[in-house]
Amino acid sequence: MSASKDDVILQMRGITKDYVMGEEISHVLKGIDLEVKRGEFLAILGPSGSGKSTLMNIIGCLDVPTGGEYTLSGKEIASQSETSLAQIRNKEIGFIFQSFQLLQRQSAFDNVELPMLYANMPEKERRARTREMLEKVGLGDKMRHYPNQLSGGQQQRVAIARALTMNPTILLADEPTGALDQKTGAQVMELFHQLNSEGRTIIMITHDSKIASHASRIVRILDGNISEGALEDA
């Protein structure tokens, strides 16, 4: 998918992240340069300890870098207040986690509705959008089911529906098939392809090169540095 410079929605320049551990400083990210264009399906691929979770947290505005510049939808992230970061997370980023992160005592409908409640969306609008998103992911008949009444794949679909409700700039998926069997994981990836074909921008964090191969572009992270291209299977 070709895109002009105007289509860049995420830009990182020289991003570093350090952690102080006693008298030692751990350099986790070592000067990350990254651009993501609207409509891309990007996989960030790397093993445990490579820095990919730290990078994901910065992309998702859950953490801020030690150094460098990060711009998301024209906003310089490092200069934002905690309140602004929370608003950015709610409106710009749809999170999808390996462990689904569903509220067990809430129905699928209530879980999907939650981000819109936080955003003070009018009731009629949010309820209509909740139904629309659950139908979109194939769960129109499961709206009143609780997580323990759903399979792992269905729970991840609820999580994807929830991530879509605020029409985010980016879907940020952390090991989205990690808790699923191979067949169910493939179904979730099919849904990602469908969403991407509709113009959704997806950034997927994974350690699995087979899952990463579903993306249209792969960035490899190792020892806090990134490069283009997939890891070879061991």
C-alpha atoms as a PDB file:
ATOM      1  CA  MET A   1       0.000   0.000   0.000  1.00  0.00           C
ATOM      2  CA  SER A   2       1.567   3.266  -1.117  1.00  0.00           C
ATOM      3  CA  ALA A   3       1.132   6.356   1.001  1.00  0.00           C
ATOM      4  CA  SER A   4       2.398   9.905   0.964  1.00  0.00           C
ATOM      5  CA  LYS A   5       4.282  11.621   3.758  1.00  0.00           C
ATOM      6  CA  ASP A   6       0.981  13.177   4.814  1.00  0.00           C
ATOM      7  CA  ASP A   7      -0.301   9.680   5.642  1.00  0.00           C
ATOM      8  CA  VAL A   8       2.311   9.102   8.376  1.00  0.00           C
ATOM      9  CA  ILE A   9       0.357   8.862  11.626  1.00  0.00           C
ATOM     10  CA  LEU A  10       3.114   7.629  13.932  1.00  0.00           C
ATOM     11  CA  GLN A  11       6.707   8.806  13.876  1.00  0.00           C
ATOM     12  CA  MET A  12       9.560   7.971  16.240  1.00  0.00           C
ATOM     13  CA  ARG A  13      13.007   9.501  16.051  1.00  0.00           C
ATOM     14  CA  GLY A  14      15.874   8.341  18.289  1.00  0.00           C
ATOM     15  CA  ILE A  15      13.591   6.857  20.959  1.00  0.00           C
ATOM     16  CA  THR A  16      15.467   5.586  24.003  1.00  0.00           C
ATOM     17  CA  LYS A  17      14.227   4.074  27.244  1.00  0.00           C
ATOM     18  CA  ASP A  18      16.425   3.614  30.296  1.00  0.00           C
ATOM     19  CA  TYR A  19      15.633   2.076  33.649  1.00  0.00           C
ATOM     20  CA  VAL A  20      17.671   2.677  36.804  1.00  0.00           C
ATOM     21  CA  MET A  21      18.296  -0.571  38.651  1.00  0.00           C
ATOM     22  CA  GLY A  22      20.237   0.196  41.817  1.00  0.00           C
ATOM     23  CA  GLU A  23      23.474   1.759  40.666  1.00  0.00           C
ATOM     24  CA  GLU A  24      23.102   0.352  37.160  1.00  0.00           C
ATOM     25  CA  ILE A  25      21.264   1.854  34.196  1.00  0.00           C
ATOM     26  CA  SER A  26      19.567  -0.591  31.848  1.00  0.00           C
ATOM     27  CA  HIS A  27      19.338   0.729  28.269  1.00  0.00           C
ATOM     28  CA  VAL A  28      16.252  -1.080  26.979  1.00  0.00           C
ATOM     29  CA  LEU A  29      15.598   0.929  23.804  1.00  0.00           C
ATOM     30  CA  LYS A  30      18.641   2.299  22.010  1.00  0.00           C
ATOM     31  CA  GLY A  31      17.541   4.865  19.462  1.00  0.00           C
ATOM     32  CA  ILE A  32      14.401   3.593  17.736  1.00  0.00           C
ATOM     33  CA  ASP A  33      13.404   5.168  14.422  1.00  0.00           C
ATOM     34  CA  LEU A  34       9.974   4.108  13.190  1.00  0.00           C
ATOM     35  CA  GLU A  35       7.254   5.414  10.900  1.00  0.00           C
ATOM     36  CA  VAL A  36       3.775   3.953  10.482  1.00  0.00           C
ATOM     37  CA  LYS A  37       1.456   5.098   7.717  1.00  0.00           C
ATOM     38  CA  ARG A  38      -2.323   5.121   7.772  1.00  0.00           C
ATOM     39  CA  GLY A  39      -3.734   1.763   6.697  1.00  0.00           C
ATOM     40  CA  GLU A  40      -0.570  -0.251   7.363  1.00  0.00           C
ATOM     41  CA  PHE A  41      -0.539  -3.658   9.029  1.00  0.00           C
ATOM     42  CA  LEU A  42       2.794  -3.719  10.867  1.00  0.00           C
ATOM     43  CA  ALA A  43       4.252  -6.528  12.952  1.00  0.00           C
ATOM     44  CA  ILE A  44       6.953  -5.816  15.530  1.00  0.00           C
ATOM     45  CA  LEU A  45       8.713  -9.143  15.921  1.00  0.00           C
ATOM     46  CA  GLY A  46      11.197 -10.105  18.595  1.00  0.00           C
ATOM     47  CA  PRO A  47      12.017 -12.603  21.333  1.00  0.00           C
ATOM     48  CA  SER A  48      11.459 -12.158  25.047  1.00  0.00           C
ATOM     49  CA  GLY A  49      13.767  -9.479  26.451  1.00  0.00           C
ATOM     50  CA  SER A  50      14.229  -7.748  23.095  1.00  0.00           C
ATOM     51  CA  GLY A  51      12.512  -4.520  24.156  1.00  0.00           C
ATOM     52  CA  LYS A  52       9.277  -5.102  22.246  1.00  0.00           C
ATOM     53  CA  SER A  53       7.020  -4.769  25.307  1.00  0.00           C
ATOM     54  CA  THR A  54       8.723  -1.510  26.276  1.00  0.00           C
ATOM     55  CA  LEU A  55       8.288  -0.226  22.737  1.00  0.00           C
ATOM     56  CA  MET A  56       4.624  -1.276  22.780  1.00  0.00           C
ATOM     57  CA  ASN A  57       4.063   0.631  26.036  1.00  0.00           C
ATOM     58  CA  ILE A  58       5.535   3.780  24.509  1.00  0.00           C
ATOM     59  CA  ILE A  59       3.527   3.389  21.282  1.00  0.00           C
ATOM     60  CA  GLY A  60       0.417   2.920  23.426  1.00  0.00           C
ATOM     61  CA  CYS A  61       1.180   6.001  25.561  1.00  0.00           C
ATOM     62  CA  LEU A  62       1.335   3.799  28.659  1.00  0.00           C
ATOM     63  CA  ASP A  63       4.898   5.040  29.180  1.00  0.00           C
ATOM     64  CA  VAL A  64       7.037   7.879  27.872  1.00  0.00           C
ATOM     65  CA  PRO A  65      10.534   7.611  26.398  1.00  0.00           C
ATOM     66  CA  THR A  66      13.712   8.696  28.160  1.00  0.00           C
ATOM     67  CA  GLY A  67      14.878  10.434  25.005  1.00  0.00           C
ATOM     68  CA  GLY A  68      13.920  11.037  21.393  1.00  0.00           C
ATOM     69  CA  GLU A  69      10.724  12.268  19.763  1.00  0.00           C
ATOM     70  CA  TYR A  70       7.419  10.441  19.407  1.00  0.00           C
ATOM     71  CA  THR A  71       4.608  12.028  17.398  1.00  0.00           C
ATOM     72  CA  LEU A  72       1.169  10.409  17.116  1.00  0.00           C
ATOM     73  CA  SER A  73      -1.493  12.032  14.934  1.00  0.00           C
ATOM     74  CA  GLY A  74       0.465  15.280  15.054  1.00  0.00           C
ATOM     75  CA  LYS A  75       0.825  15.301  18.857  1.00  0.00           C
ATOM     76  CA  GLU A  76       4.257  15.199  20.505  1.00  0.00           C
ATOM     77  CA  ILE A  77       3.711  12.574  23.191  1.00  0.00           C
ATOM     78  CA  ALA A  78       6.542  13.326  25.620  1.00  0.00           C
ATOM     79  CA  SER A  79       5.147  16.795  26.349  1.00  0.00           C
ATOM     80  CA  GLN A  80       1.619  15.598  27.186  1.00  0.00           C
ATOM     81  CA  SER A  81       0.203  15.610  30.718  1.00  0.00           C
ATOM     82  CA  GLU A  82      -1.095  12.418  32.337  1.00  0.00           C
ATOM     83  CA  THR A  83      -4.648  13.598  31.665  1.00  0.00           C
ATOM     84  CA  SER A  84      -3.848  14.211  28.002  1.00  0.00           C
ATOM     85  CA  LEU A  85      -2.143  10.827  27.697  1.00  0.00           C
ATOM     86  CA  ALA A  86      -5.251   9.143  29.111  1.00  0.00           C
ATOM     87  CA  GLN A  87      -7.393  10.949  26.529  1.00  0.00           C
ATOM     88  CA  ILE A  88      -5.012   9.928  23.742  1.00  0.00           C
ATOM     89  CA  ARG A  89      -5.133   6.296  24.880  1.00  0.00           C
ATOM     90  CA  ASN A  90      -8.927   6.360  24.909  1.00  0.00           C
ATOM     91  CA  LYS A  91      -9.414   8.034  21.535  1.00  0.00           C
ATOM     92  CA  GLU A  92      -6.352   7.204  19.432  1.00  0.00           C
ATOM     93  CA  ILE A  93      -5.441   3.641  20.420  1.00  0.00           C
ATOM     94  CA  GLY A  94      -7.493   0.470  20.551  1.00  0.00           C
ATOM     95  CA  PHE A  95      -5.714  -2.051  22.776  1.00  0.00           C
ATOM     96  CA  ILE A  96      -5.951  -5.806  22.206  1.00  0.00           C
ATOM     97  CA  PHE A  97      -4.151  -7.962  24.781  1.00  0.00           C
ATOM     98  CA  GLN A  98      -3.077 -11.599  24.880  1.00  0.00           C
ATOM     99  CA  SER A  99      -5.135 -12.180  28.047  1.00  0.00           C
ATOM    100  CA  PHE A 100      -8.223 -10.365  26.648  1.00  0.00           C
ATOM    101  CA  GLN A 101      -8.537  -8.090  29.756  1.00  0.00           C
ATOM    102  CA  LEU A 102     -12.307  -8.511  29.991  1.00  0.00           C
ATOM    103  CA  LEU A 103     -14.264  -7.758  33.157  1.00  0.00           C
ATOM    104  CA  GLN A 104     -15.501 -11.178  34.245  1.00  0.00           C
ATOM    105  CA  ARG A 105     -18.675  -9.918  35.936  1.00  0.00           C
ATOM    106  CA  GLN A 106     -19.735  -7.876  32.925  1.00  0.00           C
ATOM    107  CA  SER A 107     -21.407  -9.176  29.770  1.00  0.00           C
ATOM    108  CA  ALA A 108     -19.813  -8.945  26.343  1.00  0.00           C
ATOM    109  CA  PHE A 109     -22.069  -5.949  25.673  1.00  0.00           C
ATOM    110  CA  ASP A 110     -20.995  -4.179  28.871  1.00  0.00           C
ATOM    111  CA  ASN A 111     -17.295  -4.850  28.216  1.00  0.00           C
ATOM    112  CA  VAL A 112     -17.506  -3.364  24.727  1.00  0.00           C
ATOM    113  CA  GLU A 113     -19.500  -0.356  25.938  1.00  0.00           C
ATOM    114  CA  LEU A 114     -16.976   0.581  28.625  1.00  0.00           C
ATOM    115  CA  PRO A 115     -14.579   2.864  26.659  1.00  0.00           C
ATOM    116  CA  MET A 116     -17.540   4.905  25.440  1.00  0.00           C
ATOM    117  CA  LEU A 117     -18.791   5.307  29.009  1.00  0.00           C
ATOM    118  CA  TYR A 118     -15.390   6.707  29.974  1.00  0.00           C
ATOM    119  CA  ALA A 119     -15.632   9.098  27.024  1.00  0.00           C
ATOM    120  CA  ASN A 120     -19.118  10.278  28.119  1.00  0.00           C
ATOM    121  CA  MET A 121     -20.672   9.261  24.810  1.00  0.00           C
ATOM    122  CA  PRO A 122     -24.486   9.626  24.808  1.00  0.00           C
ATOM    123  CA  GLU A 123     -26.281   6.408  25.776  1.00  0.00           C
ATOM    124  CA  LYS A 124     -28.207   5.925  22.542  1.00  0.00           C
ATOM    125  CA  GLU A 125     -25.070   6.359  20.431  1.00  0.00           C
ATOM    126  CA  ARG A 126     -22.865   4.092  22.533  1.00  0.00           C
ATOM    127  CA  ARG A 127     -25.433   1.295  22.728  1.00  0.00           C
ATOM    128  CA  ALA A 128     -25.964   1.370  18.981  1.00  0.00           C
ATOM    129  CA  ARG A 129     -22.209   1.326  18.396  1.00  0.00           C
ATOM    130  CA  THR A 130     -21.737  -1.533  20.867  1.00  0.00           C
ATOM    131  CA  ARG A 131     -24.242  -3.656  18.958  1.00  0.00           C
ATOM    132  CA  GLU A 132     -22.641  -2.683  15.651  1.00  0.00           C
ATOM    133  CA  MET A 133     -19.135  -3.676  16.786  1.00  0.00           C
ATOM    134  CA  LEU A 134     -20.231  -7.014  18.287  1.00  0.00           C
ATOM    135  CA  GLU A 135     -22.073  -7.862  15.086  1.00  0.00           C
ATOM    136  CA  LYS A 136     -18.985  -6.846  13.102  1.00  0.00           C
ATOM    137  CA  VAL A 137     -16.846  -9.446  14.896  1.00  0.00           C
ATOM    138  CA  GLY A 138     -19.510 -12.133  14.539  1.00  0.00           C
ATOM    139  CA  LEU A 139     -20.909 -12.065  18.078  1.00  0.00           C
ATOM    140  CA  GLY A 140     -24.319 -10.545  17.515  1.00  0.00           C
ATOM    141  CA  ASP A 141     -25.892 -13.566  19.220  1.00  0.00           C
ATOM    142  CA  LYS A 142     -23.523 -13.481  22.235  1.00  0.00           C
ATOM    143  CA  MET A 143     -24.006  -9.925  23.461  1.00  0.00           C
ATOM    144  CA  ARG A 144     -25.390 -10.910  26.863  1.00  0.00           C
ATOM    145  CA  HIS A 145     -22.948 -13.752  27.474  1.00  0.00           C
ATOM    146  CA  TYR A 146     -20.317 -13.383  30.174  1.00  0.00           C
ATOM    147  CA  PRO A 147     -16.638 -14.112  29.474  1.00  0.00           C
ATOM    148  CA  ASN A 148     -16.797 -17.515  31.215  1.00  0.00           C
ATOM    149  CA  GLN A 149     -19.572 -18.469  28.789  1.00  0.00           C
ATOM    150  CA  LEU A 150     -17.384 -17.704  25.765  1.00  0.00           C
ATOM    151  CA  SER A 151     -14.491 -19.550  24.141  1.00  0.00           C
ATOM    152  CA  GLY A 152     -11.032 -17.991  24.039  1.00  0.00           C
ATOM    153  CA  GLY A 153     -11.537 -16.947  20.438  1.00  0.00           C
ATOM    154  CA  GLN A 154     -14.888 -15.369  21.243  1.00  0.00           C
ATOM    155  CA  GLN A 155     -13.369 -13.490  24.181  1.00  0.00           C
ATOM    156  CA  GLN A 156     -10.670 -12.096  21.908  1.00  0.00           C
ATOM    157  CA  ARG A 157     -13.360 -11.015  19.454  1.00  0.00           C
ATOM    158  CA  VAL A 158     -15.099  -9.155  22.286  1.00  0.00           C
ATOM    159  CA  ALA A 159     -11.767  -7.472  23.038  1.00  0.00           C
ATOM    160  CA  ILE A 160     -11.375  -6.513  19.362  1.00  0.00           C
ATOM    161  CA  ALA A 161     -14.923  -5.105  19.302  1.00  0.00           C
ATOM    162  CA  ARG A 162     -14.104  -3.082  22.424  1.00  0.00           C
ATOM    163  CA  ALA A 163     -10.910  -1.788  20.785  1.00  0.00           C
ATOM    164  CA  LEU A 164     -12.903  -0.596  17.759  1.00  0.00           C
ATOM    165  CA  THR A 165     -15.602   1.342  19.596  1.00  0.00           C
ATOM    166  CA  MET A 166     -13.832   4.705  19.730  1.00  0.00           C
ATOM    167  CA  ASN A 167     -12.780   4.432  16.063  1.00  0.00           C
ATOM    168  CA  PRO A 168      -9.095   4.597  17.068  1.00  0.00           C
ATOM    169  CA  THR A 169      -6.265   5.746  14.852  1.00  0.00           C
ATOM    170  CA  ILE A 170      -4.329   2.555  15.640  1.00  0.00           C
ATOM    171  CA  LEU A 171      -5.250  -0.947  16.745  1.00  0.00           C
ATOM    172  CA  LEU A 172      -2.379  -2.042  18.998  1.00  0.00           C
ATOM    173  CA  ALA A 173      -2.344  -5.808  19.513  1.00  0.00           C
ATOM    174  CA  ASP A 174      -0.005  -7.471  22.033  1.00  0.00           C
ATOM    175  CA  GLU A 175       0.483 -11.185  21.227  1.00  0.00           C
ATOM    176  CA  PRO A 176      -3.202 -11.352  20.151  1.00  0.00           C
ATOM    177  CA  THR A 177      -3.136 -15.103  19.454  1.00  0.00           C
ATOM    178  CA  GLY A 178      -0.847 -16.075  22.339  1.00  0.00           C
ATOM    179  CA  ALA A 179      -3.636 -17.605  24.456  1.00  0.00           C
ATOM    180  CA  LEU A 180      -5.397 -19.299  21.527  1.00  0.00           C
ATOM    181  CA  ASP A 181      -5.024 -22.612  19.721  1.00  0.00           C
ATOM    182  CA  GLN A 182      -3.739 -22.569  16.153  1.00  0.00           C
ATOM    183  CA  LYS A 183      -7.154 -22.765  14.444  1.00  0.00           C
ATOM    184  CA  THR A 184      -8.716 -20.052  16.616  1.00  0.00           C
ATOM    185  CA  GLY A 185      -5.633 -17.890  16.217  1.00  0.00           C
ATOM    186  CA  ALA A 186      -5.957 -18.172  12.444  1.00  0.00           C
ATOM    187  CA  GLN A 187      -9.576 -16.995  12.684  1.00  0.00           C
ATOM    188  CA  VAL A 188      -8.495 -13.945  14.693  1.00  0.00           C
ATOM    189  CA  MET A 189      -5.852 -13.155  12.079  1.00  0.00           C
ATOM    190  CA  GLU A 190      -8.512 -13.403   9.367  1.00  0.00           C
ATOM    191  CA  LEU A 191     -10.484 -10.775  11.273  1.00  0.00           C
ATOM    192  CA  PHE A 192      -7.378  -8.563  11.418  1.00  0.00           C
ATOM    193  CA  HIS A 193      -6.990  -8.898   7.641  1.00  0.00           C
ATOM    194  CA  GLN A 194     -10.636  -7.887   7.191  1.00  0.00           C
ATOM    195  CA  LEU A 195     -10.201  -4.838   9.428  1.00  0.00           C
ATOM    196  CA  ASN A 196      -6.992  -3.850   7.637  1.00  0.00           C
ATOM    197  CA  SER A 197      -8.700  -4.188   4.238  1.00  0.00           C
ATOM    198  CA  GLU A 198     -11.269  -1.677   5.529  1.00  0.00           C
ATOM    199  CA  GLY A 199      -8.459   0.800   6.176  1.00  0.00           C
ATOM    200  CA  ARG A 200      -7.660   0.097   9.835  1.00  0.00           C
ATOM    201  CA  THR A 201      -4.061   0.678  10.907  1.00  0.00           C
ATOM    202  CA  ILE A 202      -2.794  -2.283  12.930  1.00  0.00           C
ATOM    203  CA  ILE A 203       0.421  -2.635  14.927  1.00  0.00           C
ATOM    204  CA  MET A 204       0.922  -6.159  16.232  1.00  0.00           C
ATOM    205  CA  ILE A 205       3.575  -7.164  18.776  1.00  0.00           C
ATOM    206  CA  THR A 206       4.631 -10.813  18.584  1.00  0.00           C
ATOM    207  CA  HIS A 207       7.457 -13.284  19.142  1.00  0.00           C
ATOM    208  CA  ASP A 208       6.003 -15.688  16.528  1.00  0.00           C
ATOM    209  CA  SER A 209       7.335 -15.293  12.987  1.00  0.00           C
ATOM    210  CA  LYS A 210       4.372 -17.228  11.550  1.00  0.00           C
ATOM    211  CA  ILE A 211       1.929 -14.765  13.118  1.00  0.00           C
ATOM    212  CA  ALA A 212       4.113 -11.836  12.033  1.00  0.00           C
ATOM    213  CA  SER A 213       3.979 -13.090   8.429  1.00  0.00           C
ATOM    214  CA  HIS A 214       0.303 -12.070   8.287  1.00  0.00           C
ATOM    215  CA  ALA A 215       1.351  -8.416   8.408  1.00  0.00           C
ATOM    216  CA  SER A 216       2.154  -6.383   5.302  1.00  0.00           C
ATOM    217  CA  ARG A 217       5.393  -5.145   6.927  1.00  0.00           C
ATOM    218  CA  ILE A 218       7.618  -6.630   9.593  1.00  0.00           C
ATOM    219  CA  VAL A 219      10.030  -4.782  11.869  1.00  0.00           C
ATOM    220  CA  ARG A 220      12.426  -6.908  13.897  1.00  0.00           C
ATOM    221  CA  ILE A 221      13.495  -5.791  17.365  1.00  0.00           C
ATOM    222  CA  LEU A 222      16.522  -7.285  19.098  1.00  0.00           C
ATOM    223  CA  ASP A 223      18.509  -5.895  22.030  1.00  0.00           C
ATOM    224  CA  GLY A 224      16.646  -2.596  21.852  1.00  0.00           C
ATOM    225  CA  ASN A 225      17.368  -1.958  18.163  1.00  0.00           C
ATOM    226  CA  ILE A 226      15.071  -2.427  15.178  1.00  0.00           C
ATOM    227  CA  SER A 227      15.554  -3.441  11.581  1.00  0.00           C
ATOM    228  CA  GLU A 228      13.282  -4.395   8.709  1.00  0.00           C
ATOM    229  CA  GLY A 229      12.653  -8.066   7.990  1.00  0.00           C
ATOM    230  CA  ALA A 230      11.449 -11.216   9.678  1.00  0.00           C
ATOM    231  CA  LEU A 231      13.394 -13.551  11.887  1.00  0.00           C
ATOM    232  CA  GLU A 232      14.133 -16.923  10.364  1.00  0.00           C
ATOM    233  CA  ASP A 233      12.365 -19.839  11.983  1.00  0.00           C
ATOM    234  CA  ALA A 234      14.613 -21.754  14.333  1.00  0.00           C
END
